Amino acid sequence: PACAPLANPYVPFQRESAEKYEASNALIRGTLFPGLDLPFMGLV
């Protein structure tokens, strides 16, 4: 439709030697990398 908004996605850039969660915490958070941990609607 003429009024459809277009999205600009943002994907975090992952750096070398990025900080990492411990394995058990990574499973809980859904990612090994805190820099990519973007909880849905603030729910953790």
PDB file of all heavy atoms in Angstrom:
ATOM      1  N   PRO A   1       0.844  -1.199   0.000  1.00  0.00           N
ATOM      2  CA  PRO A   1       0.000   0.000   0.000  1.00  0.00           C
ATOM      3  C   PRO A   1       0.876   1.245   0.000  1.00  0.00           C
ATOM      4  O   PRO A   1       2.045   1.207   0.375  1.00  0.00           O
ATOM      5  CB  PRO A   1      -0.790  -0.133   1.305  1.00  0.00           C
ATOM      6  CG  PRO A   1       0.045  -1.000   2.174  1.00  0.00           C
ATOM      7  CD  PRO A   1       0.770  -1.937   1.251  1.00  0.00           C
ATOM      8  N   ALA A   2       0.328   2.335  -0.408  1.00  0.00           N
ATOM      9  CA  ALA A   2       1.077   3.586  -0.493  1.00  0.00           C
ATOM     10  C   ALA A   2       1.608   4.041   0.867  1.00  0.00           C
ATOM     11  O   ALA A   2       2.641   4.694   0.951  1.00  0.00           O
ATOM     12  CB  ALA A   2       0.196   4.676  -1.102  1.00  0.00           C
ATOM     13  N   CYS A   3       0.905   3.667   1.939  1.00  0.00           N
ATOM     14  CA  CYS A   3       1.314   4.127   3.266  1.00  0.00           C
ATOM     15  C   CYS A   3       2.194   3.114   4.000  1.00  0.00           C
ATOM     16  O   CYS A   3       2.443   3.266   5.186  1.00  0.00           O
ATOM     17  CB  CYS A   3       0.079   4.450   4.104  1.00  0.00           C
ATOM     18  SG  CYS A   3      -0.946   3.002   4.415  1.00  0.00           S
ATOM     19  N   ALA A   4       2.664   2.057   3.338  1.00  0.00           N
ATOM     20  CA  ALA A   4       3.463   1.018   4.003  1.00  0.00           C
ATOM     21  C   ALA A   4       4.814   1.580   4.426  1.00  0.00           C
ATOM     22  O   ALA A   4       5.552   2.108   3.598  1.00  0.00           O
ATOM     23  CB  ALA A   4       3.674  -0.162   3.069  1.00  0.00           C
ATOM     24  N   PRO A   5       5.147   1.496   5.721  1.00  0.00           N
ATOM     25  CA  PRO A   5       6.457   1.981   6.158  1.00  0.00           C
ATOM     26  C   PRO A   5       7.533   0.961   5.791  1.00  0.00           C
ATOM     27  O   PRO A   5       7.295  -0.239   5.830  1.00  0.00           O
ATOM     28  CB  PRO A   5       6.307   2.085   7.674  1.00  0.00           C
ATOM     29  CG  PRO A   5       5.266   1.077   8.013  1.00  0.00           C
ATOM     30  CD  PRO A   5       4.327   1.020   6.834  1.00  0.00           C
ATOM     31  N   LEU A   6       8.674   1.428   5.409  1.00  0.00           N
ATOM     32  CA  LEU A   6       9.810   0.548   5.155  1.00  0.00           C
ATOM     33  C   LEU A   6      10.688   0.540   6.387  1.00  0.00           C
ATOM     34  O   LEU A   6      10.874   1.562   7.042  1.00  0.00           O
ATOM     35  CB  LEU A   6      10.591   1.021   3.934  1.00  0.00           C
ATOM     36  CG  LEU A   6       9.841   0.935   2.611  1.00  0.00           C
ATOM     37  CD1 LEU A   6      10.715   1.479   1.487  1.00  0.00           C
ATOM     38  CD2 LEU A   6       9.427  -0.492   2.315  1.00  0.00           C
ATOM     39  N   ALA A   7      11.230  -0.613   6.708  1.00  0.00           N
ATOM     40  CA  ALA A   7      12.054  -0.754   7.901  1.00  0.00           C
ATOM     41  C   ALA A   7      13.525  -0.607   7.547  1.00  0.00           C
ATOM     42  O   ALA A   7      13.955  -0.991   6.464  1.00  0.00           O
ATOM     43  CB  ALA A   7      11.809  -2.112   8.539  1.00  0.00           C
ATOM     44  N   ASN A   8      14.277  -0.054   8.449  1.00  0.00           N
ATOM     45  CA  ASN A   8      15.722  -0.019   8.367  1.00  0.00           C
ATOM     46  C   ASN A   8      16.241  -0.982   9.416  1.00  0.00           C
ATOM     47  O   ASN A   8      16.278  -0.652  10.601  1.00  0.00           O
ATOM     48  CB  ASN A   8      16.265   1.380   8.668  1.00  0.00           C
ATOM     49  CG  ASN A   8      16.549   2.163   7.437  1.00  0.00           C
ATOM     50  OD1 ASN A   8      16.715   1.585   6.369  1.00  0.00           O
ATOM     51  ND2 ASN A   8      16.618   3.468   7.575  1.00  0.00           N
ATOM     52  N   PRO A   9      16.646  -2.190   9.030  1.00  0.00           N
ATOM     53  CA  PRO A   9      17.114  -3.141  10.041  1.00  0.00           C
ATOM     54  C   PRO A   9      18.475  -2.728  10.582  1.00  0.00           C
ATOM     55  O   PRO A   9      19.273  -2.106   9.886  1.00  0.00           O
ATOM     56  CB  PRO A   9      17.205  -4.452   9.280  1.00  0.00           C
ATOM     57  CG  PRO A   9      17.396  -4.049   7.866  1.00  0.00           C
ATOM     58  CD  PRO A   9      16.675  -2.741   7.696  1.00  0.00           C
ATOM     59  N   TYR A  10      18.707  -3.097  11.827  1.00  0.00           N
ATOM     60  CA  TYR A  10      20.002  -2.860  12.443  1.00  0.00           C
ATOM     61  C   TYR A  10      20.525  -4.207  12.907  1.00  0.00           C
ATOM     62  O   TYR A  10      19.848  -4.920  13.645  1.00  0.00           O
ATOM     63  CB  TYR A  10      19.896  -1.914  13.636  1.00  0.00           C
ATOM     64  CG  TYR A  10      21.175  -1.878  14.451  1.00  0.00           C
ATOM     65  CD1 TYR A  10      22.305  -1.209  13.983  1.00  0.00           C
ATOM     66  CD2 TYR A  10      21.261  -2.537  15.666  1.00  0.00           C
ATOM     67  CE1 TYR A  10      23.479  -1.194  14.695  1.00  0.00           C
ATOM     68  CE2 TYR A  10      22.438  -2.525  16.390  1.00  0.00           C
ATOM     69  CZ  TYR A  10      23.551  -1.852  15.898  1.00  0.00           C
ATOM     70  OH  TYR A  10      24.721  -1.844  16.612  1.00  0.00           O
ATOM     71  N   VAL A  11      21.693  -4.574  12.454  1.00  0.00           N
ATOM     72  CA  VAL A  11      22.327  -5.806  12.880  1.00  0.00           C
ATOM     73  C   VAL A  11      23.629  -5.422  13.570  1.00  0.00           C
ATOM     74  O   VAL A  11      24.494  -4.794  12.946  1.00  0.00           O
ATOM     75  CB  VAL A  11      22.611  -6.737  11.677  1.00  0.00           C
ATOM     76  CG1 VAL A  11      23.317  -8.001  12.135  1.00  0.00           C
ATOM     77  CG2 VAL A  11      21.320  -7.053  10.945  1.00  0.00           C
ATOM     78  N   PRO A  12      23.779  -5.783  14.855  1.00  0.00           N
ATOM     79  CA  PRO A  12      25.012  -5.424  15.557  1.00  0.00           C
ATOM     80  C   PRO A  12      26.231  -6.027  14.871  1.00  0.00           C
ATOM     81  O   PRO A  12      26.185  -7.154  14.390  1.00  0.00           O
ATOM     82  CB  PRO A  12      24.828  -6.018  16.955  1.00  0.00           C
ATOM     83  CG  PRO A  12      23.373  -6.246  17.096  1.00  0.00           C
ATOM     84  CD  PRO A  12      22.839  -6.490  15.717  1.00  0.00           C
ATOM     85  N   PHE A  13      27.319  -5.285  14.809  1.00  0.00           N
ATOM     86  CA  PHE A  13      28.561  -5.757  14.231  1.00  0.00           C
ATOM     87  C   PHE A  13      29.322  -6.519  15.301  1.00  0.00           C
ATOM     88  O   PHE A  13      29.522  -6.027  16.404  1.00  0.00           O
ATOM     89  CB  PHE A  13      29.386  -4.570  13.730  1.00  0.00           C
ATOM     90  CG  PHE A  13      30.667  -4.970  13.079  1.00  0.00           C
ATOM     91  CD1 PHE A  13      30.675  -5.429  11.775  1.00  0.00           C
ATOM     92  CD2 PHE A  13      31.865  -4.899  13.768  1.00  0.00           C
ATOM     93  CE1 PHE A  13      31.848  -5.803  11.167  1.00  0.00           C
ATOM     94  CE2 PHE A  13      33.039  -5.264  13.168  1.00  0.00           C
ATOM     95  CZ  PHE A  13      33.040  -5.723  11.862  1.00  0.00           C
ATOM     96  N   GLN A  14      29.753  -7.720  14.970  1.00  0.00           N
ATOM     97  CA  GLN A  14      30.458  -8.555  15.927  1.00  0.00           C
ATOM     98  C   GLN A  14      31.964  -8.377  15.745  1.00  0.00           C
ATOM     99  O   GLN A  14      32.499  -8.559  14.664  1.00  0.00           O
ATOM    100  CB  GLN A  14      30.074 -10.011  15.695  1.00  0.00           C
ATOM    101  CG  GLN A  14      30.057 -10.813  16.930  1.00  0.00           C
ATOM    102  CD  GLN A  14      29.387 -12.161  16.686  1.00  0.00           C
ATOM    103  OE1 GLN A  14      28.921 -12.458  15.613  1.00  0.00           O
ATOM    104  NE2 GLN A  14      29.345 -12.953  17.710  1.00  0.00           N
ATOM    105  N   ARG A  15      32.638  -7.992  16.798  1.00  0.00           N
ATOM    106  CA  ARG A  15      34.079  -7.743  16.735  1.00  0.00           C
ATOM    107  C   ARG A  15      34.860  -9.007  17.073  1.00  0.00           C
ATOM    108  O   ARG A  15      34.343  -9.913  17.692  1.00  0.00           O
ATOM    109  CB  ARG A  15      34.451  -6.635  17.716  1.00  0.00           C
ATOM    110  CG  ARG A  15      33.737  -5.340  17.441  1.00  0.00           C
ATOM    111  CD  ARG A  15      34.124  -4.284  18.481  1.00  0.00           C
ATOM    112  NE  ARG A  15      33.245  -3.152  18.431  1.00  0.00           N
ATOM    113  CZ  ARG A  15      33.370  -2.136  17.597  1.00  0.00           C
ATOM    114  NH1 ARG A  15      34.344  -2.130  16.735  1.00  0.00           N
ATOM    115  NH2 ARG A  15      32.523  -1.136  17.615  1.00  0.00           N
ATOM    116  N   GLU A  16      36.142  -9.021  16.674  1.00  0.00           N
ATOM    117  CA  GLU A  16      37.041 -10.109  17.052  1.00  0.00           C
ATOM    118  C   GLU A  16      37.170 -10.142  18.576  1.00  0.00           C
ATOM    119  O   GLU A  16      37.097  -9.112  19.229  1.00  0.00           O
ATOM    120  CB  GLU A  16      38.431  -9.896  16.440  1.00  0.00           C
ATOM    121  CG  GLU A  16      38.474  -9.996  14.945  1.00  0.00           C
ATOM    122  CD  GLU A  16      38.599 -11.411  14.432  1.00  0.00           C
ATOM    123  OE1 GLU A  16      39.187 -12.263  15.122  1.00  0.00           O
ATOM    124  OE2 GLU A  16      38.074 -11.677  13.338  1.00  0.00           O
ATOM    125  N   SER A  17      37.391 -11.308  19.121  1.00  0.00           N
ATOM    126  CA  SER A  17      37.565 -11.507  20.564  1.00  0.00           C
ATOM    127  C   SER A  17      36.418 -10.888  21.353  1.00  0.00           C
ATOM    128  O   SER A  17      36.621 -10.269  22.399  1.00  0.00           O
ATOM    129  CB  SER A  17      38.896 -10.932  21.044  1.00  0.00           C
ATOM    130  OG  SER A  17      39.964 -11.543  20.362  1.00  0.00           O
ATOM    131  N   ALA A  18      35.207 -11.071  20.864  1.00  0.00           N
ATOM    132  CA  ALA A  18      34.037 -10.527  21.546  1.00  0.00           C
ATOM    133  C   ALA A  18      33.836 -11.196  22.899  1.00  0.00           C
ATOM    134  O   ALA A  18      34.175 -12.360  23.090  1.00  0.00           O
ATOM    135  CB  ALA A  18      32.794 -10.742  20.679  1.00  0.00           C
ATOM    136  N   GLU A  19      33.291 -10.441  23.846  1.00  0.00           N
ATOM    137  CA  GLU A  19      32.963 -10.978  25.161  1.00  0.00           C
ATOM    138  C   GLU A  19      31.977 -12.128  24.977  1.00  0.00           C
ATOM    139  O   GLU A  19      31.135 -12.105  24.085  1.00  0.00           O
ATOM    140  CB  GLU A  19      32.346  -9.876  26.012  1.00  0.00           C
ATOM    141  CG  GLU A  19      32.018 -10.308  27.426  1.00  0.00           C
ATOM    142  CD  GLU A  19      31.356  -9.188  28.221  1.00  0.00           C
ATOM    143  OE1 GLU A  19      31.385  -8.036  27.782  1.00  0.00           O
ATOM    144  OE2 GLU A  19      30.800  -9.505  29.269  1.00  0.00           O
ATOM    145  N   LYS A  20      32.072 -13.147  25.841  1.00  0.00           N
ATOM    146  CA  LYS A  20      31.204 -14.312  25.717  1.00  0.00           C
ATOM    147  C   LYS A  20      30.592 -14.670  27.069  1.00  0.00           C
ATOM    148  O   LYS A  20      31.218 -14.520  28.101  1.00  0.00           O
ATOM    149  CB  LYS A  20      31.993 -15.507  25.175  1.00  0.00           C
ATOM    150  CG  LYS A  20      32.501 -15.299  23.766  1.00  0.00           C
ATOM    151  CD  LYS A  20      33.599 -16.285  23.426  1.00  0.00           C
ATOM    152  CE  LYS A  20      34.346 -15.882  22.188  1.00  0.00           C
ATOM    153  NZ  LYS A  20      35.206 -14.729  22.362  1.00  0.00           N
ATOM    154  N   TYR A  21      29.338 -15.144  27.025  1.00  0.00           N
ATOM    155  CA  TYR A  21      28.709 -15.689  28.228  1.00  0.00           C
ATOM    156  C   TYR A  21      29.300 -17.070  28.511  1.00  0.00           C
ATOM    157  O   TYR A  21      29.824 -17.731  27.619  1.00  0.00           O
ATOM    158  CB  TYR A  21      27.208 -15.879  28.017  1.00  0.00           C
ATOM    159  CG  TYR A  21      26.360 -14.640  28.036  1.00  0.00           C
ATOM    160  CD1 TYR A  21      25.415 -14.421  27.044  1.00  0.00           C
ATOM    161  CD2 TYR A  21      26.456 -13.712  29.057  1.00  0.00           C
ATOM    162  CE1 TYR A  21      24.594 -13.300  27.060  1.00  0.00           C
ATOM    163  CE2 TYR A  21      25.644 -12.585  29.091  1.00  0.00           C
ATOM    164  CZ  TYR A  21      24.719 -12.392  28.087  1.00  0.00           C
ATOM    165  OH  TYR A  21      23.911 -11.283  28.108  1.00  0.00           O
ATOM    166  N   GLU A  22      29.165 -17.524  29.752  1.00  0.00           N
ATOM    167  CA  GLU A  22      29.450 -18.919  30.067  1.00  0.00           C
ATOM    168  C   GLU A  22      28.415 -19.766  29.333  1.00  0.00           C
ATOM    169  O   GLU A  22      27.309 -19.306  29.043  1.00  0.00           O
ATOM    170  CB  GLU A  22      29.347 -19.163  31.582  1.00  0.00           C
ATOM    171  CG  GLU A  22      30.420 -18.479  32.386  1.00  0.00           C
ATOM    172  CD  GLU A  22      31.799 -19.063  32.110  1.00  0.00           C
ATOM    173  OE1 GLU A  22      31.913 -20.300  31.976  1.00  0.00           O
ATOM    174  OE2 GLU A  22      32.750 -18.276  32.017  1.00  0.00           O
ATOM    175  N   ALA A  23      28.733 -21.029  29.043  1.00  0.00           N
ATOM    176  CA  ALA A  23      27.859 -21.888  28.240  1.00  0.00           C
ATOM    177  C   ALA A  23      26.450 -21.996  28.823  1.00  0.00           C
ATOM    178  O   ALA A  23      25.459 -21.869  28.104  1.00  0.00           O
ATOM    179  CB  ALA A  23      28.469 -23.280  28.091  1.00  0.00           C
ATOM    180  N   SER A  24      26.341 -22.189  30.140  1.00  0.00           N
ATOM    181  CA  SER A  24      25.012 -22.348  30.747  1.00  0.00           C
ATOM    182  C   SER A  24      24.195 -21.058  30.644  1.00  0.00           C
ATOM    183  O   SER A  24      22.992 -21.093  30.406  1.00  0.00           O
ATOM    184  CB  SER A  24      25.128 -22.788  32.206  1.00  0.00           C
ATOM    185  OG  SER A  24      25.868 -21.832  32.948  1.00  0.00           O
ATOM    186  N   ASN A  25      24.845 -19.921  30.796  1.00  0.00           N
ATOM    187  CA  ASN A  25      24.146 -18.643  30.684  1.00  0.00           C
ATOM    188  C   ASN A  25      23.778 -18.349  29.225  1.00  0.00           C
ATOM    189  O   ASN A  25      22.747 -17.746  28.948  1.00  0.00           O
ATOM    190  CB  ASN A  25      24.998 -17.518  31.261  1.00  0.00           C
ATOM    191  CG  ASN A  25      24.180 -16.304  31.637  1.00  0.00           C
ATOM    192  OD1 ASN A  25      22.970 -16.389  31.827  1.00  0.00           O
ATOM    193  ND2 ASN A  25      24.838 -15.168  31.731  1.00  0.00           N
ATOM    194  N   ALA A  26      24.615 -18.793  28.292  1.00  0.00           N
ATOM    195  CA  ALA A  26      24.324 -18.585  26.867  1.00  0.00           C
ATOM    196  C   ALA A  26      23.047 -19.310  26.468  1.00  0.00           C
ATOM    197  O   ALA A  26      22.225 -18.765  25.725  1.00  0.00           O
ATOM    198  CB  ALA A  26      25.498 -19.077  26.019  1.00  0.00           C
ATOM    199  N   LEU A  27      22.858 -20.521  26.953  1.00  0.00           N
ATOM    200  CA  LEU A  27      21.649 -21.276  26.645  1.00  0.00           C
ATOM    201  C   LEU A  27      20.418 -20.551  27.171  1.00  0.00           C
ATOM    202  O   LEU A  27      19.399 -20.444  26.483  1.00  0.00           O
ATOM    203  CB  LEU A  27      21.723 -22.688  27.245  1.00  0.00           C
ATOM    204  CG  LEU A  27      20.524 -23.590  26.987  1.00  0.00           C
ATOM    205  CD1 LEU A  27      20.355 -23.855  25.495  1.00  0.00           C
ATOM    206  CD2 LEU A  27      20.676 -24.896  27.743  1.00  0.00           C
ATOM    207  N   ILE A  28      20.511 -19.992  28.344  1.00  0.00           N
ATOM    208  CA  ILE A  28      19.399 -19.260  28.941  1.00  0.00           C
ATOM    209  C   ILE A  28      19.096 -17.990  28.143  1.00  0.00           C
ATOM    210  O   ILE A  28      17.939 -17.679  27.866  1.00  0.00           O
ATOM    211  CB  ILE A  28      19.737 -18.866  30.400  1.00  0.00           C
ATOM    212  CG1 ILE A  28      19.858 -20.109  31.259  1.00  0.00           C
ATOM    213  CG2 ILE A  28      18.689 -17.928  30.978  1.00  0.00           C
ATOM    214  CD1 ILE A  28      20.528 -19.846  32.586  1.00  0.00           C
ATOM    215  N   ARG A  29      20.149 -17.254  27.753  1.00  0.00           N
ATOM    216  CA  ARG A  29      19.974 -15.971  27.067  1.00  0.00           C
ATOM    217  C   ARG A  29      19.669 -16.116  25.579  1.00  0.00           C
ATOM    218  O   ARG A  29      19.190 -15.195  24.952  1.00  0.00           O
ATOM    219  CB  ARG A  29      21.222 -15.106  27.243  1.00  0.00           C
ATOM    220  CG  ARG A  29      21.570 -14.763  28.688  1.00  0.00           C
ATOM    221  CD  ARG A  29      20.449 -14.061  29.387  1.00  0.00           C
ATOM    222  NE  ARG A  29      20.149 -12.811  28.728  1.00  0.00           N
ATOM    223  CZ  ARG A  29      20.040 -11.647  29.318  1.00  0.00           C
ATOM    224  NH1 ARG A  29      20.186 -11.565  30.614  1.00  0.00           N
ATOM    225  NH2 ARG A  29      19.744 -10.563  28.630  1.00  0.00           N
ATOM    226  N   GLY A  30      19.996 -17.278  25.002  1.00  0.00           N
ATOM    227  CA  GLY A  30      19.724 -17.485  23.583  1.00  0.00           C
ATOM    228  C   GLY A  30      20.835 -17.008  22.672  1.00  0.00           C
ATOM    229  O   GLY A  30      20.693 -17.014  21.461  1.00  0.00           O
ATOM    230  N   THR A  31      21.961 -16.631  23.247  1.00  0.00           N
ATOM    231  CA  THR A  31      23.139 -16.240  22.476  1.00  0.00           C
ATOM    232  C   THR A  31      24.366 -16.369  23.359  1.00  0.00           C
ATOM    233  O   THR A  31      24.282 -16.234  24.578  1.00  0.00           O
ATOM    234  CB  THR A  31      23.039 -14.794  21.927  1.00  0.00           C
ATOM    235  OG1 THR A  31      24.212 -14.518  21.148  1.00  0.00           O
ATOM    236  CG2 THR A  31      22.900 -13.767  23.027  1.00  0.00           C
ATOM    237  N   LEU A  32      25.491 -16.636  22.737  1.00  0.00           N
ATOM    238  CA  LEU A  32      26.747 -16.722  23.470  1.00  0.00           C
ATOM    239  C   LEU A  32      27.358 -15.342  23.680  1.00  0.00           C
ATOM    240  O   LEU A  32      28.175 -15.135  24.552  1.00  0.00           O
ATOM    241  CB  LEU A  32      27.722 -17.628  22.688  1.00  0.00           C
ATOM    242  CG  LEU A  32      29.070 -17.924  23.312  1.00  0.00           C
ATOM    243  CD1 LEU A  32      28.900 -18.709  24.607  1.00  0.00           C
ATOM    244  CD2 LEU A  32      29.940 -18.697  22.349  1.00  0.00           C
ATOM    245  N   PHE A  33      26.915 -14.385  22.887  1.00  0.00           N
ATOM    246  CA  PHE A  33      27.555 -13.078  22.852  1.00  0.00           C
ATOM    247  C   PHE A  33      26.676 -11.991  23.459  1.00  0.00           C
ATOM    248  O   PHE A  33      25.620 -11.664  22.924  1.00  0.00           O
ATOM    249  CB  PHE A  33      27.903 -12.721  21.410  1.00  0.00           C
ATOM    250  CG  PHE A  33      28.778 -13.749  20.772  1.00  0.00           C
ATOM    251  CD1 PHE A  33      28.230 -14.728  19.961  1.00  0.00           C
ATOM    252  CD2 PHE A  33      30.138 -13.755  21.010  1.00  0.00           C
ATOM    253  CE1 PHE A  33      29.034 -15.699  19.388  1.00  0.00           C
ATOM    254  CE2 PHE A  33      30.950 -14.723  20.440  1.00  0.00           C
ATOM    255  CZ  PHE A  33      30.398 -15.701  19.629  1.00  0.00           C
ATOM    256  N   PRO A  34      27.106 -11.396  24.582  1.00  0.00           N
ATOM    257  CA  PRO A  34      26.320 -10.325  25.204  1.00  0.00           C
ATOM    258  C   PRO A  34      26.017  -9.170  24.256  1.00  0.00           C
ATOM    259  O   PRO A  34      24.953  -8.555  24.343  1.00  0.00           O
ATOM    260  CB  PRO A  34      27.204  -9.860  26.369  1.00  0.00           C
ATOM    261  CG  PRO A  34      28.057 -11.038  26.696  1.00  0.00           C
ATOM    262  CD  PRO A  34      28.305 -11.720  25.371  1.00  0.00           C
ATOM    263  N   GLY A  35      26.902  -8.886  23.319  1.00  0.00           N
ATOM    264  CA  GLY A  35      26.669  -7.803  22.374  1.00  0.00           C
ATOM    265  C   GLY A  35      25.506  -8.063  21.432  1.00  0.00           C
ATOM    266  O   GLY A  35      24.972  -7.150  20.825  1.00  0.00           O
ATOM    267  N   LEU A  36      25.106  -9.316  21.288  1.00  0.00           N
ATOM    268  CA  LEU A  36      23.978  -9.679  20.435  1.00  0.00           C
ATOM    269  C   LEU A  36      22.731  -9.994  21.258  1.00  0.00           C
ATOM    270  O   LEU A  36      21.708 -10.373  20.708  1.00  0.00           O
ATOM    271  CB  LEU A  36      24.326 -10.900  19.571  1.00  0.00           C
ATOM    272  CG  LEU A  36      25.509 -10.732  18.631  1.00  0.00           C
ATOM    273  CD1 LEU A  36      25.745 -12.021  17.850  1.00  0.00           C
ATOM    274  CD2 LEU A  36      25.308  -9.559  17.693  1.00  0.00           C
ATOM    275  N   ASP A  37      22.822  -9.850  22.554  1.00  0.00           N
ATOM    276  CA  ASP A  37      21.715 -10.186  23.456  1.00  0.00           C
ATOM    277  C   ASP A  37      20.732  -9.019  23.495  1.00  0.00           C
ATOM    278  O   ASP A  37      20.917  -8.056  24.230  1.00  0.00           O
ATOM    279  CB  ASP A  37      22.262 -10.484  24.856  1.00  0.00           C
ATOM    280  CG  ASP A  37      21.213 -11.067  25.785  1.00  0.00           C
ATOM    281  OD1 ASP A  37      20.059 -11.230  25.361  1.00  0.00           O
ATOM    282  OD2 ASP A  37      21.564 -11.362  26.937  1.00  0.00           O
ATOM    283  N   LEU A  38      19.713  -9.108  22.684  1.00  0.00           N
ATOM    284  CA  LEU A  38      18.695  -8.067  22.609  1.00  0.00           C
ATOM    285  C   LEU A  38      17.356  -8.686  22.991  1.00  0.00           C
ATOM    286  O   LEU A  38      16.617  -9.170  22.137  1.00  0.00           O
ATOM    287  CB  LEU A  38      18.648  -7.492  21.193  1.00  0.00           C
ATOM    288  CG  LEU A  38      19.987  -6.974  20.663  1.00  0.00           C
ATOM    289  CD1 LEU A  38      19.899  -6.655  19.183  1.00  0.00           C
ATOM    290  CD2 LEU A  38      20.451  -5.781  21.461  1.00  0.00           C
ATOM    291  N   PRO A  39      17.033  -8.724  24.291  1.00  0.00           N
ATOM    292  CA  PRO A  39      15.810  -9.389  24.741  1.00  0.00           C
ATOM    293  C   PRO A  39      14.561  -8.807  24.096  1.00  0.00           C
ATOM    294  O   PRO A  39      14.427  -7.590  23.961  1.00  0.00           O
ATOM    295  CB  PRO A  39      15.792  -9.144  26.251  1.00  0.00           C
ATOM    296  CG  PRO A  39      17.192  -8.797  26.603  1.00  0.00           C
ATOM    297  CD  PRO A  39      17.773  -8.132  25.387  1.00  0.00           C
ATOM    298  N   PHE A  40      13.658  -9.676  23.701  1.00  0.00           N
ATOM    299  CA  PHE A  40      12.407  -9.273  23.083  1.00  0.00           C
ATOM    300  C   PHE A  40      11.538  -8.567  24.110  1.00  0.00           C
ATOM    301  O   PHE A  40      11.221  -9.124  25.151  1.00  0.00           O
ATOM    302  CB  PHE A  40      11.682 -10.490  22.518  1.00  0.00           C
ATOM    303  CG  PHE A  40      10.372 -10.163  21.874  1.00  0.00           C
ATOM    304  CD1 PHE A  40      10.323  -9.454  20.688  1.00  0.00           C
ATOM    305  CD2 PHE A  40       9.183 -10.562  22.458  1.00  0.00           C
ATOM    306  CE1 PHE A  40       9.117  -9.144  20.095  1.00  0.00           C
ATOM    307  CE2 PHE A  40       7.963 -10.265  21.872  1.00  0.00           C
ATOM    308  CZ  PHE A  40       7.938  -9.549  20.685  1.00  0.00           C
ATOM    309  N   MET A  41      11.184  -7.337  23.841  1.00  0.00           N
ATOM    310  CA  MET A  41      10.333  -6.518  24.709  1.00  0.00           C
ATOM    311  C   MET A  41      10.846  -6.468  26.147  1.00  0.00           C
ATOM    312  O   MET A  41      10.082  -6.417  27.098  1.00  0.00           O
ATOM    313  CB  MET A  41       8.895  -7.034  24.660  1.00  0.00           C
ATOM    314  CG  MET A  41       8.284  -6.932  23.266  1.00  0.00           C
ATOM    315  SD  MET A  41       6.584  -7.445  23.162  1.00  0.00           S
ATOM    316  CE  MET A  41       5.791  -6.140  24.090  1.00  0.00           C
ATOM    317  N   GLY A  42      12.168  -6.539  26.307  1.00  0.00           N
ATOM    318  CA  GLY A  42      12.779  -6.436  27.623  1.00  0.00           C
ATOM    319  C   GLY A  42      12.638  -7.674  28.491  1.00  0.00           C
ATOM    320  O   GLY A  42      13.041  -7.667  29.642  1.00  0.00           O
ATOM    321  N   LEU A  43      12.073  -8.750  27.953  1.00  0.00           N
ATOM    322  CA  LEU A  43      11.889  -9.979  28.728  1.00  0.00           C
ATOM    323  C   LEU A  43      13.167 -10.799  28.698  1.00  0.00           C
ATOM    324  O   LEU A  43      13.757 -11.012  27.645  1.00  0.00           O
ATOM    325  CB  LEU A  43      10.728 -10.796  28.166  1.00  0.00           C
ATOM    326  CG  LEU A  43       9.370 -10.096  28.148  1.00  0.00           C
ATOM    327  CD1 LEU A  43       8.338 -10.977  27.462  1.00  0.00           C
ATOM    328  CD2 LEU A  43       8.927  -9.761  29.557  1.00  0.00           C
ATOM    329  N   VAL A  44      13.591 -11.276  29.861  1.00  0.00           N
ATOM    330  CA  VAL A  44      14.820 -12.037  29.970  1.00  0.00           C
ATOM    331  C   VAL A  44      14.529 -13.364  30.660  1.00  0.00           C
ATOM    332  O   VAL A  44      13.941 -13.398  31.735  1.00  0.00           O
ATOM    333  CB  VAL A  44      15.879 -11.254  30.780  1.00  0.00           C
ATOM    334  CG1 VAL A  44      17.127 -12.078  30.970  1.00  0.00           C
ATOM    335  CG2 VAL A  44      16.198  -9.939  30.093  1.00  0.00           C
TER     336      VAL A  44
END
